[in-house]
Amino acid sequence: QVQLQESGPGLVKPSQTLSLTCTVSGGSITTTYYTWSWIRQPPGKGLEWVADIAYDGSTYYSPSLKSRTSISRDTPKNQFSLQLGSVTPEDAAVYYCARGMPGGGYGYWGQGTQVTVSS
């Protein structure tokens, strides 16, 4: 069974860069044709897709966040990571990593990690 675990600092100061890592077990991040996603949920709001990295390393970004976002992977460690720059309090959210299914939707999710943006 695939398991995903987010890690990273829970508190980031405004204007700094948020860095999160998702460690995957039970399946390879290079397995055809899955995508690996970062999704966030601000308090009181719905889920917001942030970025994807596909099995072949292709990357996709939310248009509203693209200028500040980078997604990358470390295949030997079976990890993928998110960097979100110039954060503001509006970036505070629970951040989830998830495995996207070839036909759409998400088959597996991490438990989520709370990120607070505050000085």
N, C-alpha and C. Protein backbone atom coordinates (compact mmCIF):
# COMPACT_ATOMS: atom_id res chain seq x y z
N GLN A 1 0.83 -1.19 0.00
CA GLN A 1 0.00 0.00 0.00
C GLN A 1 0.88 1.25 0.00
N VAL A 2 0.49 2.19 -0.81
CA VAL A 2 1.24 3.43 -0.92
C VAL A 2 0.96 4.32 0.29
N GLN A 3 2.02 4.86 0.83
CA GLN A 3 1.89 5.81 1.94
C GLN A 3 2.69 7.07 1.61
N LEU A 4 2.13 8.20 1.99
CA LEU A 4 2.78 9.49 1.77
C LEU A 4 2.86 10.21 3.10
N GLN A 5 3.98 10.87 3.32
CA GLN A 5 4.20 11.59 4.58
C GLN A 5 4.83 12.94 4.29
N GLU A 6 4.12 13.98 4.67
CA GLU A 6 4.65 15.34 4.50
C GLU A 6 5.59 15.69 5.65
N SER A 7 6.57 16.52 5.35
CA SER A 7 7.45 17.03 6.40
C SER A 7 7.90 18.43 6.01
N GLY A 8 8.20 19.21 7.03
CA GLY A 8 8.63 20.57 6.80
C GLY A 8 8.28 21.45 7.98
N PRO A 9 8.75 22.67 8.00
CA PRO A 9 8.47 23.55 9.12
C PRO A 9 7.00 23.94 9.19
N GLY A 10 6.50 24.01 10.37
CA GLY A 10 5.11 24.40 10.57
C GLY A 10 4.90 25.90 10.61
N LEU A 11 5.99 26.63 10.73
CA LEU A 11 5.90 28.09 10.84
C LEU A 11 6.90 28.72 9.89
N VAL A 12 6.40 29.62 9.06
CA VAL A 12 7.24 30.34 8.10
C VAL A 12 6.95 31.83 8.25
N LYS A 13 7.98 32.64 8.14
CA LYS A 13 7.80 34.08 8.26
C LYS A 13 7.37 34.67 6.91
N PRO A 14 6.58 35.73 6.96
CA PRO A 14 6.19 36.38 5.70
C PRO A 14 7.41 36.76 4.86
N SER A 15 7.26 36.60 3.58
CA SER A 15 8.27 36.89 2.55
C SER A 15 9.31 35.78 2.40
N GLN A 16 9.30 34.81 3.31
CA GLN A 16 10.26 33.72 3.20
C GLN A 16 9.72 32.62 2.28
N THR A 17 10.52 31.59 2.12
CA THR A 17 10.14 30.47 1.25
C THR A 17 9.73 29.27 2.09
N LEU A 18 8.57 28.74 1.76
CA LEU A 18 8.07 27.53 2.38
C LEU A 18 8.63 26.33 1.63
N SER A 19 9.19 25.39 2.37
CA SER A 19 9.72 24.17 1.76
C SER A 19 9.12 22.96 2.44
N LEU A 20 8.50 22.10 1.66
CA LEU A 20 7.90 20.88 2.16
C LEU A 20 8.39 19.69 1.35
N THR A 21 8.48 18.56 2.01
CA THR A 21 8.89 17.32 1.34
C THR A 21 7.85 16.25 1.61
N CYS A 22 7.59 15.46 0.58
CA CYS A 22 6.70 14.31 0.72
C CYS A 22 7.52 13.05 0.48
N THR A 23 7.54 12.18 1.48
CA THR A 23 8.25 10.91 1.36
C THR A 23 7.23 9.82 1.04
N VAL A 24 7.51 9.09 -0.02
CA VAL A 24 6.58 8.07 -0.50
C VAL A 24 7.14 6.69 -0.21
N SER A 25 6.30 5.82 0.30
CA SER A 25 6.68 4.42 0.50
C SER A 25 5.61 3.52 -0.10
N GLY A 26 6.02 2.32 -0.45
CA GLY A 26 5.07 1.36 -1.00
C GLY A 26 4.83 1.53 -2.48
N GLY A 27 5.55 2.44 -3.12
CA GLY A 27 5.41 2.66 -4.55
C GLY A 27 6.41 3.67 -5.02
N SER A 28 6.83 3.56 -6.26
CA SER A 28 7.84 4.47 -6.79
C SER A 28 7.21 5.68 -7.44
N ILE A 29 7.84 6.84 -7.23
CA ILE A 29 7.33 8.07 -7.85
C ILE A 29 7.60 8.10 -9.35
N THR A 30 8.31 7.11 -9.86
CA THR A 30 8.56 7.05 -11.30
C THR A 30 7.64 6.04 -12.00
N THR A 31 6.74 5.44 -11.25
CA THR A 31 5.82 4.46 -11.85
C THR A 31 4.88 5.13 -12.84
N THR A 32 4.85 4.61 -14.05
CA THR A 32 3.93 5.08 -15.09
C THR A 32 2.49 4.87 -14.64
N TYR A 33 1.59 5.67 -14.75
CA TYR A 33 1.50 7.02 -15.27
C TYR A 33 1.02 7.95 -14.18
N TYR A 34 1.49 7.73 -12.96
CA TYR A 34 0.98 8.51 -11.85
C TYR A 34 1.60 9.91 -11.80
N THR A 35 0.84 10.79 -11.19
CA THR A 35 1.35 12.11 -10.88
C THR A 35 1.37 12.27 -9.37
N TRP A 36 2.18 13.16 -8.92
CA TRP A 36 2.38 13.40 -7.49
C TRP A 36 2.12 14.88 -7.24
N SER A 37 1.21 15.11 -6.31
CA SER A 37 0.63 16.45 -6.20
C SER A 37 0.83 17.07 -4.83
N TRP A 38 0.82 18.39 -4.83
CA TRP A 38 0.67 19.17 -3.61
C TRP A 38 -0.67 19.90 -3.70
N ILE A 39 -1.41 19.79 -2.62
CA ILE A 39 -2.74 20.37 -2.52
C ILE A 39 -2.82 21.03 -1.16
N ARG A 40 -3.49 22.16 -1.07
CA ARG A 40 -3.58 22.82 0.22
C ARG A 40 -5.02 23.18 0.54
N GLN A 41 -5.28 23.38 1.80
CA GLN A 41 -6.59 23.80 2.28
C GLN A 41 -6.44 24.89 3.31
N PRO A 42 -6.67 26.13 2.90
CA PRO A 42 -6.63 27.22 3.88
C PRO A 42 -7.77 27.07 4.89
N PRO A 43 -7.62 27.67 6.05
CA PRO A 43 -8.68 27.54 7.06
C PRO A 43 -10.01 28.06 6.56
N GLY A 44 -11.03 27.26 6.69
CA GLY A 44 -12.37 27.64 6.30
C GLY A 44 -12.64 27.62 4.82
N LYS A 45 -11.70 27.11 4.04
CA LYS A 45 -11.85 27.11 2.58
C LYS A 45 -11.71 25.69 2.03
N GLY A 46 -11.94 25.56 0.74
CA GLY A 46 -11.85 24.26 0.11
C GLY A 46 -10.43 23.91 -0.29
N LEU A 47 -10.30 22.74 -0.88
CA LEU A 47 -9.01 22.28 -1.34
C LEU A 47 -8.56 23.08 -2.56
N GLU A 48 -7.28 23.36 -2.61
CA GLU A 48 -6.69 24.11 -3.72
C GLU A 48 -5.48 23.34 -4.25
N TRP A 49 -5.52 22.97 -5.51
CA TRP A 49 -4.38 22.30 -6.11
C TRP A 49 -3.24 23.30 -6.29
N VAL A 50 -2.02 22.87 -5.97
CA VAL A 50 -0.86 23.74 -6.03
C VAL A 50 0.06 23.36 -7.21
N ALA A 51 0.46 22.10 -7.26
CA ALA A 51 1.41 21.69 -8.28
C ALA A 51 1.44 20.18 -8.40
N ASP A 52 1.89 19.71 -9.56
CA ASP A 52 2.09 18.29 -9.84
C ASP A 52 3.49 18.07 -10.38
N ILE A 53 4.01 16.89 -10.09
CA ILE A 53 5.16 16.39 -10.82
C ILE A 53 4.81 14.98 -11.26
N ALA A 54 4.97 14.74 -12.54
CA ALA A 54 4.55 13.46 -13.10
C ALA A 54 5.65 12.41 -12.97
N TYR A 55 5.28 11.18 -13.31
CA TYR A 55 6.20 10.05 -13.21
C TYR A 55 7.47 10.28 -14.04
N ASP A 56 7.33 11.07 -15.12
CA ASP A 56 8.48 11.32 -16.00
C ASP A 56 9.21 12.62 -15.66
N GLY A 57 8.83 13.26 -14.59
CA GLY A 57 9.47 14.50 -14.16
C GLY A 57 8.83 15.77 -14.69
N SER A 58 7.82 15.64 -15.53
CA SER A 58 7.13 16.83 -16.01
C SER A 58 6.44 17.54 -14.85
N THR A 59 6.42 18.86 -14.91
CA THR A 59 5.84 19.64 -13.82
C THR A 59 4.69 20.50 -14.32
N TYR A 60 3.74 20.72 -13.41
CA TYR A 60 2.54 21.49 -13.71
C TYR A 60 2.21 22.33 -12.49
N TYR A 61 1.78 23.56 -12.75
CA TYR A 61 1.56 24.49 -11.64
C TYR A 61 0.21 25.17 -11.75
N SER A 62 -0.35 25.48 -10.59
CA SER A 62 -1.53 26.32 -10.56
C SER A 62 -1.17 27.68 -11.13
N PRO A 63 -1.96 28.18 -12.08
CA PRO A 63 -1.64 29.48 -12.68
C PRO A 63 -1.52 30.60 -11.66
N SER A 64 -2.32 30.52 -10.62
CA SER A 64 -2.31 31.61 -9.63
C SER A 64 -1.09 31.58 -8.73
N LEU A 65 -0.39 30.46 -8.69
CA LEU A 65 0.77 30.31 -7.82
C LEU A 65 2.07 30.07 -8.59
N LYS A 66 1.97 29.94 -9.88
CA LYS A 66 3.10 29.49 -10.68
C LYS A 66 4.35 30.33 -10.51
N SER A 67 4.17 31.64 -10.39
CA SER A 67 5.33 32.53 -10.33
C SER A 67 6.13 32.35 -9.04
N ARG A 68 5.53 31.72 -8.04
CA ARG A 68 6.20 31.57 -6.75
C ARG A 68 6.48 30.12 -6.38
N THR A 69 6.16 29.19 -7.25
CA THR A 69 6.16 27.78 -6.87
C THR A 69 7.16 26.97 -7.68
N SER A 70 7.77 26.02 -7.00
CA SER A 70 8.65 25.06 -7.66
C SER A 70 8.39 23.68 -7.06
N ILE A 71 8.20 22.70 -7.90
CA ILE A 71 8.07 21.31 -7.45
C ILE A 71 9.22 20.52 -8.05
N SER A 72 9.79 19.65 -7.25
CA SER A 72 10.95 18.87 -7.68
C SER A 72 10.88 17.48 -7.05
N ARG A 73 11.81 16.62 -7.45
CA ARG A 73 11.80 15.28 -6.88
C ARG A 73 13.22 14.78 -6.69
N ASP A 74 13.34 13.82 -5.78
CA ASP A 74 14.58 13.10 -5.52
C ASP A 74 14.24 11.63 -5.68
N THR A 75 14.51 11.10 -6.85
CA THR A 75 14.07 9.74 -7.14
C THR A 75 14.78 8.69 -6.28
N PRO A 76 16.09 8.81 -6.02
CA PRO A 76 16.69 7.80 -5.13
C PRO A 76 16.04 7.74 -3.75
N LYS A 77 15.60 8.89 -3.25
CA LYS A 77 14.96 8.94 -1.94
C LYS A 77 13.45 8.72 -2.03
N ASN A 78 12.94 8.65 -3.26
CA ASN A 78 11.49 8.51 -3.48
C ASN A 78 10.71 9.63 -2.78
N GLN A 79 11.18 10.84 -2.99
CA GLN A 79 10.57 12.02 -2.39
C GLN A 79 10.28 13.06 -3.47
N PHE A 80 9.28 13.87 -3.19
CA PHE A 80 9.09 15.06 -4.01
C PHE A 80 8.83 16.24 -3.08
N SER A 81 9.17 17.41 -3.56
CA SER A 81 9.21 18.57 -2.69
C SER A 81 8.52 19.77 -3.32
N LEU A 82 8.09 20.65 -2.46
CA LEU A 82 7.44 21.90 -2.87
C LEU A 82 8.19 23.06 -2.26
N GLN A 83 8.41 24.06 -3.06
CA GLN A 83 8.91 25.34 -2.56
C GLN A 83 7.95 26.43 -3.01
N LEU A 84 7.51 27.23 -2.06
CA LEU A 84 6.61 28.34 -2.33
C LEU A 84 7.25 29.60 -1.77
N GLY A 85 7.60 30.52 -2.64
CA GLY A 85 8.33 31.70 -2.24
C GLY A 85 7.43 32.88 -1.89
N SER A 86 8.03 33.83 -1.23
CA SER A 86 7.36 35.09 -0.90
C SER A 86 6.02 34.87 -0.23
N VAL A 87 6.01 34.01 0.77
CA VAL A 87 4.73 33.64 1.39
C VAL A 87 4.12 34.83 2.13
N THR A 88 2.81 34.79 2.18
CA THR A 88 2.02 35.75 2.94
C THR A 88 1.08 34.96 3.85
N PRO A 89 0.39 35.64 4.77
CA PRO A 89 -0.56 34.91 5.62
C PRO A 89 -1.62 34.16 4.81
N GLU A 90 -1.89 34.59 3.58
CA GLU A 90 -2.86 33.88 2.74
C GLU A 90 -2.37 32.50 2.30
N ASP A 91 -1.09 32.23 2.47
CA ASP A 91 -0.55 30.91 2.14
C ASP A 91 -0.65 29.93 3.30
N ALA A 92 -1.10 30.40 4.44
CA ALA A 92 -1.30 29.49 5.56
C ALA A 92 -2.39 28.48 5.24
N ALA A 93 -2.09 27.23 5.49
CA ALA A 93 -3.02 26.17 5.11
C ALA A 93 -2.51 24.84 5.63
N VAL A 94 -3.36 23.83 5.53
CA VAL A 94 -2.88 22.46 5.65
C VAL A 94 -2.43 22.04 4.26
N TYR A 95 -1.20 21.60 4.16
CA TYR A 95 -0.64 21.18 2.88
C TYR A 95 -0.62 19.65 2.84
N TYR A 96 -1.18 19.13 1.76
CA TYR A 96 -1.23 17.69 1.56
C TYR A 96 -0.41 17.29 0.34
N CYS A 97 0.22 16.13 0.41
CA CYS A 97 0.73 15.53 -0.81
C CYS A 97 -0.17 14.33 -1.14
N ALA A 98 -0.26 14.05 -2.42
CA ALA A 98 -1.18 13.01 -2.86
C ALA A 98 -0.69 12.39 -4.15
N ARG A 99 -1.17 11.19 -4.43
CA ARG A 99 -0.86 10.53 -5.69
C ARG A 99 -2.06 10.65 -6.62
N GLY A 100 -1.83 11.25 -7.76
CA GLY A 100 -2.88 11.40 -8.73
C GLY A 100 -3.03 10.16 -9.59
N MET A 101 -4.29 9.82 -9.92
CA MET A 101 -4.59 8.66 -10.72
C MET A 101 -4.56 9.03 -12.21
N PRO A 102 -4.21 8.08 -13.07
CA PRO A 102 -4.18 8.39 -14.50
C PRO A 102 -5.51 8.90 -15.04
N GLY A 103 -6.61 8.42 -14.51
CA GLY A 103 -7.91 8.87 -14.99
C GLY A 103 -8.50 10.03 -14.23
N GLY A 104 -7.71 10.58 -13.32
CA GLY A 104 -8.21 11.71 -12.53
C GLY A 104 -8.46 11.30 -11.09
N GLY A 105 -8.48 12.27 -10.22
CA GLY A 105 -8.69 11.99 -8.81
C GLY A 105 -7.40 11.57 -8.13
N TYR A 106 -7.52 11.34 -6.86
CA TYR A 106 -6.35 11.02 -6.05
C TYR A 106 -6.60 9.71 -5.31
N GLY A 107 -5.63 8.81 -5.41
CA GLY A 107 -5.80 7.52 -4.78
C GLY A 107 -5.28 7.45 -3.37
N TYR A 108 -4.23 8.20 -3.11
CA TYR A 108 -3.60 8.19 -1.80
C TYR A 108 -3.23 9.61 -1.40
N TRP A 109 -3.39 9.86 -0.11
CA TRP A 109 -3.08 11.17 0.45
C TRP A 109 -2.17 11.02 1.66
N GLY A 110 -1.35 12.04 1.89
CA GLY A 110 -0.68 12.13 3.16
C GLY A 110 -1.64 12.66 4.21
N GLN A 111 -1.20 12.68 5.43
CA GLN A 111 -2.08 13.13 6.52
C GLN A 111 -2.21 14.65 6.56
N GLY A 112 -1.32 15.33 5.88
CA GLY A 112 -1.37 16.79 5.86
C GLY A 112 -0.46 17.40 6.91
N THR A 113 0.05 18.56 6.60
CA THR A 113 0.88 19.30 7.56
C THR A 113 0.42 20.74 7.61
N GLN A 114 0.23 21.23 8.81
CA GLN A 114 -0.23 22.60 9.00
C GLN A 114 0.93 23.57 8.82
N VAL A 115 0.73 24.58 8.01
CA VAL A 115 1.72 25.63 7.83
C VAL A 115 1.10 26.96 8.23
N THR A 116 1.76 27.63 9.13
CA THR A 116 1.35 28.96 9.58
C THR A 116 2.35 29.98 9.06
N VAL A 117 1.85 31.10 8.61
CA VAL A 117 2.73 32.19 8.13
C VAL A 117 2.58 33.35 9.10
N SER A 118 3.63 33.61 9.83
CA SER A 118 3.56 34.64 10.85
C SER A 118 4.97 35.08 11.22
N SER A 119 5.08 36.35 11.56
CA SER A 119 6.38 36.85 12.03
C SER A 119 6.52 36.67 13.53
